[in-house]
Amino acid sequence: MKITKSQLRRIIREEKARLTEQAAAGAYNDVKDTMLQLLDKELTRLGHDRTDAEVAEDVASALEDIASEVRRQADAPARGWEEPRR
């Protein structure tokens, strides 16, 4: 069975998209697991209980703020941010 160039391009494009998706999911899981471990360790060290509702709300708010900052920093170059000229 012969495969045309356009079929081959489509197959490559689909495989690349699938691999990119898997890589992104892997990074998510790696970061999530690591951050939960660090969070538990740090809260224990500081004497806080993550299952306490008030502590959980404070942690969630702090993580939302961190997520916003990470997104802001990652988007900066995409929005045309440039170093000031000297």
N, C-alpha and C. Protein backbone atom coordinates (compact mmCIF):
# COMPACT_ATOMS: atom_id res chain seq x y z
N MET A 1 0.84 -1.17 0.00
CA MET A 1 0.00 0.00 0.00
C MET A 1 0.89 1.25 0.00
N LYS A 2 0.60 2.14 -0.91
CA LYS A 2 1.37 3.37 -1.00
C LYS A 2 0.70 4.47 -0.21
N ILE A 3 1.54 5.36 0.34
CA ILE A 3 1.04 6.53 1.09
C ILE A 3 1.46 7.77 0.31
N THR A 4 0.49 8.64 0.09
CA THR A 4 0.81 9.87 -0.63
C THR A 4 1.53 10.84 0.30
N LYS A 5 2.14 11.85 -0.30
CA LYS A 5 2.83 12.87 0.50
C LYS A 5 1.86 13.58 1.44
N SER A 6 0.68 13.88 0.94
CA SER A 6 -0.29 14.59 1.79
C SER A 6 -0.77 13.70 2.94
N GLN A 7 -0.92 12.41 2.69
CA GLN A 7 -1.30 11.49 3.76
C GLN A 7 -0.19 11.41 4.81
N LEU A 8 1.05 11.34 4.34
CA LEU A 8 2.18 11.28 5.24
C LEU A 8 2.28 12.56 6.08
N ARG A 9 2.06 13.71 5.45
CA ARG A 9 2.08 14.98 6.19
C ARG A 9 1.00 15.00 7.26
N ARG A 10 -0.20 14.52 6.91
CA ARG A 10 -1.31 14.48 7.86
C ARG A 10 -0.97 13.56 9.04
N ILE A 11 -0.41 12.39 8.75
CA ILE A 11 -0.04 11.44 9.80
C ILE A 11 1.01 12.06 10.73
N ILE A 12 2.00 12.71 10.15
CA ILE A 12 3.05 13.35 10.95
C ILE A 12 2.45 14.46 11.81
N ARG A 13 1.57 15.27 11.23
CA ARG A 13 0.93 16.36 11.97
C ARG A 13 0.12 15.80 13.15
N GLU A 14 -0.65 14.73 12.92
CA GLU A 14 -1.45 14.14 13.98
C GLU A 14 -0.57 13.54 15.08
N GLU A 15 0.50 12.88 14.70
CA GLU A 15 1.40 12.29 15.69
C GLU A 15 2.11 13.37 16.50
N LYS A 16 2.51 14.44 15.83
CA LYS A 16 3.17 15.54 16.53
C LYS A 16 2.21 16.16 17.55
N ALA A 17 0.95 16.34 17.16
CA ALA A 17 -0.05 16.90 18.08
C ALA A 17 -0.26 15.96 19.27
N ARG A 18 -0.32 14.67 19.02
CA ARG A 18 -0.51 13.69 20.09
C ARG A 18 0.67 13.71 21.06
N LEU A 19 1.89 13.75 20.52
CA LEU A 19 3.09 13.77 21.37
C LEU A 19 3.18 15.06 22.18
N THR A 20 2.80 16.17 21.57
CA THR A 20 2.80 17.45 22.27
C THR A 20 1.82 17.43 23.42
N GLU A 21 0.64 16.86 23.19
CA GLU A 21 -0.36 16.73 24.24
C GLU A 21 0.16 15.89 25.40
N GLN A 22 0.79 14.78 25.08
CA GLN A 22 1.33 13.89 26.12
C GLN A 22 2.43 14.59 26.91
N ALA A 23 3.28 15.33 26.23
CA ALA A 23 4.37 16.03 26.91
C ALA A 23 3.81 17.08 27.87
N ALA A 24 2.78 17.80 27.42
CA ALA A 24 2.17 18.82 28.27
C ALA A 24 1.52 18.18 29.50
N ALA A 25 0.85 17.06 29.32
CA ALA A 25 0.22 16.37 30.44
C ALA A 25 1.29 15.88 31.41
N GLY A 26 2.43 15.43 30.89
CA GLY A 26 3.51 14.96 31.74
C GLY A 26 4.07 16.09 32.60
N ALA A 27 4.25 17.26 32.01
CA ALA A 27 4.75 18.40 32.77
C ALA A 27 3.75 18.80 33.85
N TYR A 28 2.49 18.78 33.51
CA TYR A 28 1.44 19.13 34.48
C TYR A 28 1.52 18.19 35.68
N ASN A 29 1.54 16.90 35.41
CA ASN A 29 1.56 15.91 36.50
C ASN A 29 2.83 16.03 37.33
N ASP A 30 3.97 16.24 36.67
CA ASP A 30 5.23 16.38 37.40
C ASP A 30 5.18 17.59 38.33
N VAL A 31 4.73 18.71 37.81
CA VAL A 31 4.68 19.94 38.60
C VAL A 31 3.66 19.80 39.73
N LYS A 32 2.49 19.27 39.41
CA LYS A 32 1.44 19.13 40.43
C LYS A 32 1.91 18.25 41.58
N ASP A 33 2.46 17.09 41.27
CA ASP A 33 2.92 16.18 42.31
C ASP A 33 4.02 16.81 43.16
N THR A 34 4.97 17.44 42.50
CA THR A 34 6.08 18.08 43.21
C THR A 34 5.57 19.20 44.12
N MET A 35 4.68 20.02 43.60
CA MET A 35 4.17 21.14 44.39
C MET A 35 3.35 20.67 45.59
N LEU A 36 2.56 19.61 45.43
CA LEU A 36 1.81 19.08 46.56
C LEU A 36 2.74 18.54 47.65
N GLN A 37 3.81 17.87 47.23
CA GLN A 37 4.78 17.37 48.20
C GLN A 37 5.45 18.52 48.94
N LEU A 38 5.88 19.55 48.19
CA LEU A 38 6.51 20.72 48.82
C LEU A 38 5.54 21.44 49.74
N LEU A 39 4.30 21.55 49.31
CA LEU A 39 3.29 22.22 50.10
C LEU A 39 3.07 21.49 51.43
N ASP A 40 2.89 20.19 51.36
CA ASP A 40 2.69 19.41 52.58
C ASP A 40 3.89 19.53 53.52
N LYS A 41 5.07 19.43 52.96
CA LYS A 41 6.30 19.52 53.77
C LYS A 41 6.41 20.88 54.45
N GLU A 42 6.16 21.94 53.69
CA GLU A 42 6.30 23.30 54.21
C GLU A 42 5.21 23.61 55.24
N LEU A 43 3.98 23.20 54.97
CA LEU A 43 2.90 23.45 55.93
C LEU A 43 3.15 22.71 57.24
N THR A 44 3.64 21.48 57.14
CA THR A 44 3.98 20.71 58.34
C THR A 44 5.09 21.40 59.12
N ARG A 45 6.11 21.85 58.39
CA ARG A 45 7.23 22.54 59.04
C ARG A 45 6.77 23.80 59.77
N LEU A 46 5.81 24.50 59.17
CA LEU A 46 5.31 25.74 59.76
C LEU A 46 4.22 25.51 60.80
N GLY A 47 3.80 24.25 60.97
CA GLY A 47 2.80 23.93 61.98
C GLY A 47 1.36 24.14 61.54
N HIS A 48 1.10 24.13 60.23
CA HIS A 48 -0.25 24.30 59.71
C HIS A 48 -0.81 22.96 59.25
N ASP A 49 -2.13 22.83 59.34
CA ASP A 49 -2.82 21.61 58.91
C ASP A 49 -3.55 21.91 57.60
N ARG A 50 -3.14 21.24 56.52
CA ARG A 50 -3.74 21.51 55.21
C ARG A 50 -5.22 21.16 55.17
N THR A 51 -5.68 20.29 56.06
CA THR A 51 -7.10 19.92 56.06
C THR A 51 -7.96 20.94 56.79
N ASP A 52 -7.35 21.90 57.49
CA ASP A 52 -8.09 22.98 58.13
C ASP A 52 -8.66 23.89 57.05
N ALA A 53 -9.95 24.20 57.12
CA ALA A 53 -10.63 24.96 56.07
C ALA A 53 -10.00 26.33 55.84
N GLU A 54 -9.64 27.01 56.89
CA GLU A 54 -9.05 28.35 56.76
C GLU A 54 -7.67 28.26 56.09
N VAL A 55 -6.87 27.30 56.50
CA VAL A 55 -5.56 27.10 55.90
C VAL A 55 -5.72 26.73 54.43
N ALA A 56 -6.66 25.84 54.15
CA ALA A 56 -6.89 25.41 52.77
C ALA A 56 -7.29 26.60 51.89
N GLU A 57 -8.12 27.49 52.40
CA GLU A 57 -8.54 28.67 51.64
C GLU A 57 -7.36 29.62 51.41
N ASP A 58 -6.54 29.81 52.44
CA ASP A 58 -5.35 30.66 52.28
C ASP A 58 -4.39 30.07 51.24
N VAL A 59 -4.19 28.76 51.30
CA VAL A 59 -3.30 28.09 50.33
C VAL A 59 -3.86 28.23 48.92
N ALA A 60 -5.16 28.00 48.77
CA ALA A 60 -5.78 28.10 47.44
C ALA A 60 -5.65 29.52 46.88
N SER A 61 -5.87 30.52 47.72
CA SER A 61 -5.74 31.91 47.26
C SER A 61 -4.30 32.22 46.85
N ALA A 62 -3.35 31.76 47.66
CA ALA A 62 -1.95 32.00 47.33
C ALA A 62 -1.57 31.32 46.02
N LEU A 63 -2.05 30.09 45.82
CA LEU A 63 -1.73 29.38 44.58
C LEU A 63 -2.36 30.05 43.37
N GLU A 64 -3.56 30.59 43.52
CA GLU A 64 -4.19 31.34 42.42
C GLU A 64 -3.36 32.57 42.07
N ASP A 65 -2.87 33.27 43.09
CA ASP A 65 -2.02 34.43 42.84
C ASP A 65 -0.73 34.02 42.13
N ILE A 66 -0.15 32.91 42.56
CA ILE A 66 1.07 32.41 41.92
C ILE A 66 0.80 32.02 40.48
N ALA A 67 -0.33 31.35 40.23
CA ALA A 67 -0.69 30.95 38.87
C ALA A 67 -0.85 32.17 37.97
N SER A 68 -1.47 33.21 38.49
CA SER A 68 -1.63 34.44 37.70
C SER A 68 -0.28 35.05 37.36
N GLU A 69 0.62 35.06 38.33
CA GLU A 69 1.96 35.62 38.10
C GLU A 69 2.73 34.79 37.07
N VAL A 70 2.64 33.46 37.17
CA VAL A 70 3.32 32.59 36.21
C VAL A 70 2.78 32.84 34.80
N ARG A 71 1.46 32.93 34.69
CA ARG A 71 0.85 33.20 33.37
C ARG A 71 1.28 34.56 32.85
N ARG A 72 1.29 35.56 33.74
CA ARG A 72 1.67 36.92 33.32
C ARG A 72 3.11 36.92 32.79
N GLN A 73 4.00 36.26 33.50
CA GLN A 73 5.39 36.23 33.07
C GLN A 73 5.57 35.46 31.77
N ALA A 74 4.84 34.38 31.61
CA ALA A 74 4.97 33.58 30.39
C ALA A 74 4.37 34.29 29.19
N ASP A 75 3.34 35.10 29.41
CA ASP A 75 2.69 35.80 28.31
C ASP A 75 3.42 37.07 27.91
N ALA A 76 4.29 37.58 28.77
CA ALA A 76 4.94 38.86 28.49
C ALA A 76 5.60 38.90 27.11
N PRO A 77 6.44 37.93 26.74
CA PRO A 77 7.05 38.00 25.42
C PRO A 77 6.04 37.87 24.28
N ALA A 78 4.99 37.08 24.50
CA ALA A 78 3.99 36.87 23.45
C ALA A 78 3.19 38.14 23.17
N ARG A 79 3.12 39.06 24.15
CA ARG A 79 2.37 40.29 23.96
C ARG A 79 3.25 41.41 23.43
N GLY A 80 4.45 41.08 23.02
CA GLY A 80 5.31 42.07 22.42
C GLY A 80 6.17 42.83 23.42
N TRP A 81 6.31 42.30 24.61
CA TRP A 81 7.14 42.96 25.62
C TRP A 81 8.58 42.98 25.15
N GLU A 82 9.22 44.10 25.34
CA GLU A 82 10.61 44.23 24.94
C GLU A 82 11.38 44.92 26.06
N GLU A 83 12.67 44.64 26.10
CA GLU A 83 13.54 45.36 27.03
C GLU A 83 13.58 46.83 26.62
N PRO A 84 13.62 47.72 27.60
CA PRO A 84 13.72 49.15 27.24
C PRO A 84 15.04 49.43 26.53
N ARG A 85 15.00 50.30 25.57
CA ARG A 85 16.22 50.68 24.85
C ARG A 85 17.05 51.60 25.70
N ARG A 86 18.36 51.47 25.60
CA ARG A 86 19.27 52.32 26.40
C ARG A 86 20.00 53.27 25.52
